[in-house]
Amino acid sequence: MQEAPLLVLEKITAILDAFSLRNDALTAADIRRATGIPNSTAHRLLGNLVTNGFLDRDGDRYSIGSRMAYWAGPAVRRLDIVDLLAPALTALRDETEETAVFFRAEGLSRVCIGVVETRHGLRREMRLGRIMPLHVGSSARVLLAWTPGLLDEVLAHPLEALTSETIIDPDALRRVVDETRAQGVAITTGERVEGASGIAAPVFDRNATLVGALGIMGPTLRLDAGRLAELVDPVVLAADRLTQSMAGRAP
């Protein structure tokens, strides 16, 4: 019996959703594990997707087809990061149960251009348009790591100590920024405010240029070392999805 068209579309969507910026080339076995689609059905759908340009194939690995970028172009041109932030931040807040934020670099500071607050009564206050220093916090670390020349500009000025955990040694700040770039994510505790922690990851546009830092923040009482480690993947995946929604790519 031939499958209903809507059911086929659901399976095709599941296959395409299996790909991400960090898993951009998958084998048929990878796709079957991610989707639960039976072997014979997956084989047939993958063949059709390659034939029609939805997927490219190189040996035993599949990747999103270049034709998809052509189709996505008109939609992406209509979208600004602000249009995409609300659903992305809401989804991240709901998944992590912490305040979700998005920061962009402005001169030698960073500004909050998106925030969805946690439902917990105990929270760290954040508001749209808030301007903050660039040498403290996980979002700042991301902005410094992927904005060429910005760290040098920041280090041309004395680093103000806001708490006992603030990094004020230029060499130490360079080291942690390098670590952020290597790891693809930043985690900080108590650098700007005592008892506050955060995680942030980069979001890129189609030219592999940094758009900003997507992250979560909250009291260290909830976001201790163990909980921070658990929330790294949700934050990184949320940033990857936001990058993808802009037809972006990592450098």
C-alpha atoms as a PDB file:
ATOM      1  CA  MET A   1       0.000   0.000   0.000  1.00  0.00           C
ATOM      2  CA  GLN A   2       1.311   3.428  -0.943  1.00  0.00           C
ATOM      3  CA  GLU A   3       1.962   5.780   1.979  1.00  0.00           C
ATOM      4  CA  ALA A   4      -0.265   8.806   2.443  1.00  0.00           C
ATOM      5  CA  PRO A   5       1.370  12.019   1.169  1.00  0.00           C
ATOM      6  CA  LEU A   6       1.287  13.713   4.582  1.00  0.00           C
ATOM      7  CA  LEU A   7       2.955  10.715   6.227  1.00  0.00           C
ATOM      8  CA  VAL A   8       5.701  10.797   3.596  1.00  0.00           C
ATOM      9  CA  LEU A   9       6.226  14.510   4.249  1.00  0.00           C
ATOM     10  CA  GLU A  10       6.518  13.835   7.981  1.00  0.00           C
ATOM     11  CA  LYS A  11       9.224  11.252   7.322  1.00  0.00           C
ATOM     12  CA  ILE A  12      11.081  13.549   4.927  1.00  0.00           C
ATOM     13  CA  THR A  13      10.942  16.313   7.542  1.00  0.00           C
ATOM     14  CA  ALA A  14      12.302  13.918  10.166  1.00  0.00           C
ATOM     15  CA  ILE A  15      15.196  13.002   7.875  1.00  0.00           C
ATOM     16  CA  LEU A  16      16.084  16.633   7.181  1.00  0.00           C
ATOM     17  CA  ASP A  17      15.778  17.480  10.886  1.00  0.00           C
ATOM     18  CA  ALA A  18      18.389  14.831  11.665  1.00  0.00           C
ATOM     19  CA  PHE A  19      21.056  17.131  10.216  1.00  0.00           C
ATOM     20  CA  SER A  20      22.598  20.000  12.151  1.00  0.00           C
ATOM     21  CA  LEU A  21      25.672  22.213  11.983  1.00  0.00           C
ATOM     22  CA  ARG A  22      27.497  19.716  14.191  1.00  0.00           C
ATOM     23  CA  ASN A  23      26.110  16.650  12.404  1.00  0.00           C
ATOM     24  CA  ASP A  24      26.160  17.817   8.802  1.00  0.00           C
ATOM     25  CA  ALA A  25      27.121  14.483   7.223  1.00  0.00           C
ATOM     26  CA  LEU A  26      25.262  11.312   8.229  1.00  0.00           C
ATOM     27  CA  THR A  27      25.203   7.701   7.085  1.00  0.00           C
ATOM     28  CA  ALA A  28      21.948   5.903   6.355  1.00  0.00           C
ATOM     29  CA  ALA A  29      22.354   4.093   9.679  1.00  0.00           C
ATOM     30  CA  ASP A  30      22.743   7.422  11.489  1.00  0.00           C
ATOM     31  CA  ILE A  31      19.549   8.680   9.879  1.00  0.00           C
ATOM     32  CA  ARG A  32      17.605   5.519  10.724  1.00  0.00           C
ATOM     33  CA  ARG A  33      18.685   5.773  14.364  1.00  0.00           C
ATOM     34  CA  ALA A  34      17.722   9.448  14.535  1.00  0.00           C
ATOM     35  CA  THR A  35      14.334   9.028  12.864  1.00  0.00           C
ATOM     36  CA  GLY A  36      13.212   5.482  13.624  1.00  0.00           C
ATOM     37  CA  ILE A  37      12.251   5.045   9.958  1.00  0.00           C
ATOM     38  CA  PRO A  38      12.471   1.391   8.800  1.00  0.00           C
ATOM     39  CA  ASN A  39      15.418   0.402   6.601  1.00  0.00           C
ATOM     40  CA  SER A  40      13.510  -0.143   3.351  1.00  0.00           C
ATOM     41  CA  THR A  41      11.527   3.089   3.700  1.00  0.00           C
ATOM     42  CA  ALA A  42      14.635   5.093   4.620  1.00  0.00           C
ATOM     43  CA  HIS A  43      16.539   3.658   1.637  1.00  0.00           C
ATOM     44  CA  ARG A  44      13.766   4.648  -0.769  1.00  0.00           C
ATOM     45  CA  LEU A  45      13.308   8.148   0.694  1.00  0.00           C
ATOM     46  CA  LEU A  46      17.029   8.864   0.779  1.00  0.00           C
ATOM     47  CA  GLY A  47      17.340   7.888  -2.862  1.00  0.00           C
ATOM     48  CA  ASN A  48      14.480  10.182  -3.838  1.00  0.00           C
ATOM     49  CA  LEU A  49      15.866  13.068  -1.758  1.00  0.00           C
ATOM     50  CA  VAL A  50      19.233  12.774  -3.492  1.00  0.00           C
ATOM     51  CA  THR A  51      17.610  12.571  -6.926  1.00  0.00           C
ATOM     52  CA  ASN A  52      15.604  15.731  -6.286  1.00  0.00           C
ATOM     53  CA  GLY A  53      18.425  17.753  -4.750  1.00  0.00           C
ATOM     54  CA  PHE A  54      17.231  17.781  -1.135  1.00  0.00           C
ATOM     55  CA  LEU A  55      20.320  15.789  -0.133  1.00  0.00           C
ATOM     56  CA  ASP A  56      23.805  15.299  -1.554  1.00  0.00           C
ATOM     57  CA  ARG A  57      25.623  11.970  -1.274  1.00  0.00           C
ATOM     58  CA  ASP A  58      29.369  11.364  -0.993  1.00  0.00           C
ATOM     59  CA  GLY A  59      30.183   7.685  -0.554  1.00  0.00           C
ATOM     60  CA  ASP A  60      28.084   6.373   2.325  1.00  0.00           C
ATOM     61  CA  ARG A  61      27.383   9.817   3.791  1.00  0.00           C
ATOM     62  CA  TYR A  62      24.518  12.185   3.111  1.00  0.00           C
ATOM     63  CA  SER A  63      24.410  15.960   3.599  1.00  0.00           C
ATOM     64  CA  ILE A  64      21.879  18.729   3.005  1.00  0.00           C
ATOM     65  CA  GLY A  65      21.736  19.458  -0.721  1.00  0.00           C
ATOM     66  CA  SER A  66      23.019  22.749  -2.098  1.00  0.00           C
ATOM     67  CA  ARG A  67      19.676  23.199  -3.866  1.00  0.00           C
ATOM     68  CA  MET A  68      18.096  23.739  -0.437  1.00  0.00           C
ATOM     69  CA  ALA A  69      20.117  26.930  -0.001  1.00  0.00           C
ATOM     70  CA  TYR A  70      18.702  28.234  -3.290  1.00  0.00           C
ATOM     71  CA  TRP A  71      15.154  27.618  -2.071  1.00  0.00           C
ATOM     72  CA  ALA A  72      15.866  29.109   1.340  1.00  0.00           C
ATOM     73  CA  GLY A  73      17.341  32.320  -0.065  1.00  0.00           C
ATOM     74  CA  PRO A  74      14.098  34.296  -0.618  1.00  0.00           C
ATOM     75  CA  ALA A  75      12.785  33.421   2.852  1.00  0.00           C
ATOM     76  CA  VAL A  76      16.055  34.247   4.594  1.00  0.00           C
ATOM     77  CA  ARG A  77      16.255  37.655   2.928  1.00  0.00           C
ATOM     78  CA  ARG A  78      12.945  38.567   4.566  1.00  0.00           C
ATOM     79  CA  LEU A  79      14.134  37.584   8.019  1.00  0.00           C
ATOM     80  CA  ASP A  80      16.049  39.686  10.474  1.00  0.00           C
ATOM     81  CA  ILE A  81      17.605  38.222  13.594  1.00  0.00           C
ATOM     82  CA  VAL A  82      15.000  40.087  15.664  1.00  0.00           C
ATOM     83  CA  ASP A  83      12.210  38.218  13.857  1.00  0.00           C
ATOM     84  CA  LEU A  84      13.773  34.885  14.784  1.00  0.00           C
ATOM     85  CA  LEU A  85      14.744  35.643  18.360  1.00  0.00           C
ATOM     86  CA  ALA A  86      11.395  35.407  20.143  1.00  0.00           C
ATOM     87  CA  PRO A  87      10.642  31.776  19.234  1.00  0.00           C
ATOM     88  CA  ALA A  88      14.275  30.737  19.687  1.00  0.00           C
ATOM     89  CA  LEU A  89      14.539  32.334  23.127  1.00  0.00           C
ATOM     90  CA  THR A  90      11.172  31.003  24.237  1.00  0.00           C
ATOM     91  CA  ALA A  91      12.115  27.466  23.192  1.00  0.00           C
ATOM     92  CA  LEU A  92      15.455  27.723  25.005  1.00  0.00           C
ATOM     93  CA  ARG A  93      13.792  29.089  28.151  1.00  0.00           C
ATOM     94  CA  ASP A  94      11.215  26.293  28.107  1.00  0.00           C
ATOM     95  CA  GLU A  95      13.866  23.597  27.610  1.00  0.00           C
ATOM     96  CA  THR A  96      16.300  24.854  30.258  1.00  0.00           C
ATOM     97  CA  GLU A  97      13.805  26.592  32.588  1.00  0.00           C
ATOM     98  CA  GLU A  98      16.267  29.499  32.852  1.00  0.00           C
ATOM     99  CA  THR A  99      16.258  33.054  31.461  1.00  0.00           C
ATOM    100  CA  ALA A 100      17.268  32.996  27.786  1.00  0.00           C
ATOM    101  CA  VAL A 101      19.157  35.995  26.371  1.00  0.00           C
ATOM    102  CA  PHE A 102      20.775  37.241  23.186  1.00  0.00           C
ATOM    103  CA  PHE A 103      23.606  39.780  23.144  1.00  0.00           C
ATOM    104  CA  ARG A 104      25.232  41.717  20.332  1.00  0.00           C
ATOM    105  CA  ALA A 105      28.471  43.706  20.460  1.00  0.00           C
ATOM    106  CA  GLU A 106      28.087  47.483  20.246  1.00  0.00           C
ATOM    107  CA  GLY A 107      31.380  49.334  20.295  1.00  0.00           C
ATOM    108  CA  LEU A 108      33.260  48.258  23.414  1.00  0.00           C
ATOM    109  CA  SER A 109      30.108  47.046  25.167  1.00  0.00           C
ATOM    110  CA  ARG A 110      27.448  44.397  24.661  1.00  0.00           C
ATOM    111  CA  VAL A 111      23.738  45.043  24.506  1.00  0.00           C
ATOM    112  CA  CYS A 112      20.824  42.712  25.217  1.00  0.00           C
ATOM    113  CA  ILE A 113      18.561  42.594  22.155  1.00  0.00           C
ATOM    114  CA  GLY A 114      16.459  39.631  23.237  1.00  0.00           C
ATOM    115  CA  VAL A 115      15.318  38.146  26.543  1.00  0.00           C
ATOM    116  CA  VAL A 116      12.692  35.655  27.731  1.00  0.00           C
ATOM    117  CA  GLU A 117      12.669  35.364  31.498  1.00  0.00           C
ATOM    118  CA  THR A 118      12.528  32.191  33.545  1.00  0.00           C
ATOM    119  CA  ARG A 119       9.326  31.284  35.335  1.00  0.00           C
ATOM    120  CA  HIS A 120      11.267  30.725  38.557  1.00  0.00           C
ATOM    121  CA  GLY A 121      10.699  33.319  41.248  1.00  0.00           C
ATOM    122  CA  LEU A 122      14.440  33.423  41.977  1.00  0.00           C
ATOM    123  CA  ARG A 123      16.100  34.976  38.942  1.00  0.00           C
ATOM    124  CA  ARG A 124      18.772  37.387  37.759  1.00  0.00           C
ATOM    125  CA  GLU A 125      17.111  40.462  36.269  1.00  0.00           C
ATOM    126  CA  MET A 126      17.736  41.296  32.625  1.00  0.00           C
ATOM    127  CA  ARG A 127      16.004  43.736  30.284  1.00  0.00           C
ATOM    128  CA  LEU A 128      16.041  44.632  26.613  1.00  0.00           C
ATOM    129  CA  GLY A 129      18.573  47.293  25.711  1.00  0.00           C
ATOM    130  CA  ARG A 130      20.716  46.736  28.769  1.00  0.00           C
ATOM    131  CA  ILE A 131      24.344  47.660  28.077  1.00  0.00           C
ATOM    132  CA  MET A 132      27.044  45.628  29.804  1.00  0.00           C
ATOM    133  CA  PRO A 133      30.843  45.261  29.781  1.00  0.00           C
ATOM    134  CA  LEU A 134      32.572  43.038  27.248  1.00  0.00           C
ATOM    135  CA  HIS A 135      35.165  41.490  29.556  1.00  0.00           C
ATOM    136  CA  VAL A 136      32.731  39.686  31.869  1.00  0.00           C
ATOM    137  CA  GLY A 137      30.113  36.987  31.379  1.00  0.00           C
ATOM    138  CA  SER A 138      29.577  34.068  29.011  1.00  0.00           C
ATOM    139  CA  SER A 139      27.925  36.115  26.236  1.00  0.00           C
ATOM    140  CA  ALA A 140      30.802  38.597  26.317  1.00  0.00           C
ATOM    141  CA  ARG A 141      33.264  35.727  26.057  1.00  0.00           C
ATOM    142  CA  VAL A 142      31.538  34.506  22.890  1.00  0.00           C
ATOM    143  CA  LEU A 143      31.505  37.981  21.336  1.00  0.00           C
ATOM    144  CA  LEU A 144      35.231  38.383  22.017  1.00  0.00           C
ATOM    145  CA  ALA A 145      36.031  34.929  20.657  1.00  0.00           C
ATOM    146  CA  TRP A 146      34.404  35.381  17.249  1.00  0.00           C
ATOM    147  CA  THR A 147      34.643  39.118  16.528  1.00  0.00           C
ATOM    148  CA  PRO A 148      38.001  39.831  14.873  1.00  0.00           C
ATOM    149  CA  GLY A 149      39.986  42.558  16.626  1.00  0.00           C
ATOM    150  CA  LEU A 150      37.449  43.124  19.396  1.00  0.00           C
ATOM    151  CA  LEU A 151      39.543  41.539  22.147  1.00  0.00           C
ATOM    152  CA  ASP A 152      42.501  43.765  21.281  1.00  0.00           C
ATOM    153  CA  GLU A 153      40.256  46.824  21.478  1.00  0.00           C
ATOM    154  CA  VAL A 154      38.936  45.773  24.881  1.00  0.00           C
ATOM    155  CA  LEU A 155      42.429  45.055  26.200  1.00  0.00           C
ATOM    156  CA  ALA A 156      43.591  48.515  25.152  1.00  0.00           C
ATOM    157  CA  HIS A 157      41.753  49.721  28.269  1.00  0.00           C
ATOM    158  CA  PRO A 158      42.088  48.661  31.928  1.00  0.00           C
ATOM    159  CA  LEU A 159      39.813  45.771  32.916  1.00  0.00           C
ATOM    160  CA  GLU A 160      37.536  46.745  35.779  1.00  0.00           C
ATOM    161  CA  ALA A 161      37.031  44.242  38.590  1.00  0.00           C
ATOM    162  CA  LEU A 162      33.294  43.882  39.206  1.00  0.00           C
ATOM    163  CA  THR A 163      33.545  40.869  41.537  1.00  0.00           C
ATOM    164  CA  SER A 164      36.265  38.693  43.006  1.00  0.00           C
ATOM    165  CA  GLU A 165      35.861  36.390  39.971  1.00  0.00           C
ATOM    166  CA  THR A 166      36.314  39.102  37.315  1.00  0.00           C
ATOM    167  CA  ILE A 167      39.307  38.429  35.080  1.00  0.00           C
ATOM    168  CA  ILE A 168      41.424  41.577  35.011  1.00  0.00           C
ATOM    169  CA  ASP A 169      44.699  40.095  33.738  1.00  0.00           C
ATOM    170  CA  PRO A 170      44.939  40.565  29.931  1.00  0.00           C
ATOM    171  CA  ASP A 171      46.827  37.315  29.373  1.00  0.00           C
ATOM    172  CA  ALA A 172      44.284  35.376  31.412  1.00  0.00           C
ATOM    173  CA  LEU A 173      41.420  36.876  29.430  1.00  0.00           C
ATOM    174  CA  ARG A 174      43.145  35.949  26.167  1.00  0.00           C
ATOM    175  CA  ARG A 175      43.500  32.366  27.402  1.00  0.00           C
ATOM    176  CA  VAL A 176      39.832  31.938  28.297  1.00  0.00           C
ATOM    177  CA  VAL A 177      38.721  33.555  25.031  1.00  0.00           C
ATOM    178  CA  ASP A 178      40.940  31.094  23.131  1.00  0.00           C
ATOM    179  CA  GLU A 179      39.389  28.243  25.131  1.00  0.00           C
ATOM    180  CA  THR A 180      35.907  29.478  24.254  1.00  0.00           C
ATOM    181  CA  ARG A 181      36.757  29.513  20.559  1.00  0.00           C
ATOM    182  CA  ALA A 182      38.177  25.992  20.766  1.00  0.00           C
ATOM    183  CA  GLN A 183      35.233  24.586  22.732  1.00  0.00           C
ATOM    184  CA  GLY A 184      32.473  26.439  20.873  1.00  0.00           C
ATOM    185  CA  VAL A 185      30.772  27.534  24.096  1.00  0.00           C
ATOM    186  CA  ALA A 186      31.409  29.752  27.135  1.00  0.00           C
ATOM    187  CA  ILE A 187      30.520  29.041  30.765  1.00  0.00           C
ATOM    188  CA  THR A 188      31.080  31.638  33.476  1.00  0.00           C
ATOM    189  CA  THR A 189      30.207  32.040  37.150  1.00  0.00           C
ATOM    190  CA  GLY A 190      30.272  35.200  39.230  1.00  0.00           C
ATOM    191  CA  GLU A 191      32.279  37.377  36.834  1.00  0.00           C
ATOM    192  CA  ARG A 192      29.791  40.249  36.628  1.00  0.00           C
ATOM    193  CA  VAL A 193      27.536  39.605  39.616  1.00  0.00           C
ATOM    194  CA  GLU A 194      28.229  37.441  42.637  1.00  0.00           C
ATOM    195  CA  GLY A 195      26.108  34.304  42.592  1.00  0.00           C
ATOM    196  CA  ALA A 196      25.170  34.394  38.906  1.00  0.00           C
ATOM    197  CA  SER A 197      26.140  31.891  36.206  1.00  0.00           C
ATOM    198  CA  GLY A 198      25.666  31.660  32.467  1.00  0.00           C
ATOM    199  CA  ILE A 199      26.264  29.658  29.297  1.00  0.00           C
ATOM    200  CA  ALA A 200      26.458  31.142  25.793  1.00  0.00           C
ATOM    201  CA  ALA A 201      27.170  29.959  22.248  1.00  0.00           C
ATOM    202  CA  PRO A 202      27.732  31.805  18.948  1.00  0.00           C
ATOM    203  CA  VAL A 203      25.208  32.441  16.176  1.00  0.00           C
ATOM    204  CA  PHE A 204      26.491  33.070  12.641  1.00  0.00           C
ATOM    205  CA  ASP A 205      25.054  34.437   9.389  1.00  0.00           C
ATOM    206  CA  ARG A 206      25.419  33.100   5.853  1.00  0.00           C
ATOM    207  CA  ASN A 207      28.871  34.707   5.552  1.00  0.00           C
ATOM    208  CA  ALA A 208      30.076  32.897   8.703  1.00  0.00           C
ATOM    209  CA  THR A 209      30.134  36.257  10.490  1.00  0.00           C
ATOM    210  CA  LEU A 210      29.121  36.361  14.141  1.00  0.00           C
ATOM    211  CA  VAL A 211      25.622  37.755  14.669  1.00  0.00           C
ATOM    212  CA  GLY A 212      25.618  37.511  18.442  1.00  0.00           C
ATOM    213  CA  ALA A 213      25.643  35.261  21.501  1.00  0.00           C
ATOM    214  CA  LEU A 214      22.669  33.134  22.522  1.00  0.00           C
ATOM    215  CA  GLY A 215      22.640  31.947  26.093  1.00  0.00           C
ATOM    216  CA  ILE A 216      21.018  31.372  29.433  1.00  0.00           C
ATOM    217  CA  MET A 217      21.633  32.989  32.800  1.00  0.00           C
ATOM    218  CA  GLY A 218      20.507  32.420  36.360  1.00  0.00           C
ATOM    219  CA  PRO A 219      21.464  32.143  40.017  1.00  0.00           C
ATOM    220  CA  THR A 220      24.398  29.868  40.809  1.00  0.00           C
ATOM    221  CA  LEU A 221      22.244  28.252  43.501  1.00  0.00           C
ATOM    222  CA  ARG A 222      20.414  26.537  40.610  1.00  0.00           C
ATOM    223  CA  LEU A 223      23.146  26.687  38.000  1.00  0.00           C
ATOM    224  CA  ASP A 224      25.900  24.880  39.867  1.00  0.00           C
ATOM    225  CA  ALA A 225      28.725  23.094  38.029  1.00  0.00           C
ATOM    226  CA  GLY A 226      26.709  19.931  37.482  1.00  0.00           C
ATOM    227  CA  ARG A 227      23.652  21.707  36.137  1.00  0.00           C
ATOM    228  CA  LEU A 228      25.772  23.933  33.896  1.00  0.00           C
ATOM    229  CA  ALA A 229      27.349  20.841  32.361  1.00  0.00           C
ATOM    230  CA  GLU A 230      23.878  19.392  31.677  1.00  0.00           C
ATOM    231  CA  LEU A 231      22.720  22.557  29.918  1.00  0.00           C
ATOM    232  CA  VAL A 232      25.679  23.019  27.560  1.00  0.00           C
ATOM    233  CA  ASP A 233      24.197  20.847  24.794  1.00  0.00           C
ATOM    234  CA  PRO A 234      20.752  22.523  24.823  1.00  0.00           C
ATOM    235  CA  VAL A 235      22.357  25.973  24.541  1.00  0.00           C
ATOM    236  CA  VAL A 236      24.752  24.945  21.761  1.00  0.00           C
ATOM    237  CA  LEU A 237      22.001  23.193  19.809  1.00  0.00           C
ATOM    238  CA  ALA A 238      19.708  26.211  20.172  1.00  0.00           C
ATOM    239  CA  ALA A 239      22.454  28.465  18.792  1.00  0.00           C
ATOM    240  CA  ASP A 240      23.022  26.028  15.919  1.00  0.00           C
ATOM    241  CA  ARG A 241      19.309  25.998  15.101  1.00  0.00           C
ATOM    242  CA  LEU A 242      19.205  29.800  15.087  1.00  0.00           C
ATOM    243  CA  THR A 243      22.220  29.850  12.774  1.00  0.00           C
ATOM    244  CA  GLN A 244      20.489  27.386  10.479  1.00  0.00           C
ATOM    245  CA  SER A 245      17.300  29.433  10.431  1.00  0.00           C
ATOM    246  CA  MET A 246      19.368  32.291   9.006  1.00  0.00           C
ATOM    247  CA  ALA A 247      20.984  29.964   6.431  1.00  0.00           C
ATOM    248  CA  GLY A 248      24.160  30.660   8.388  1.00  0.00           C
ATOM    249  CA  ARG A 249      27.320  28.637   8.786  1.00  0.00           C
ATOM    250  CA  ALA A 250      30.131  28.395  11.275  1.00  0.00           C
ATOM    251  CA  PRO A 251      33.542  29.772  10.217  1.00  0.00           C
END
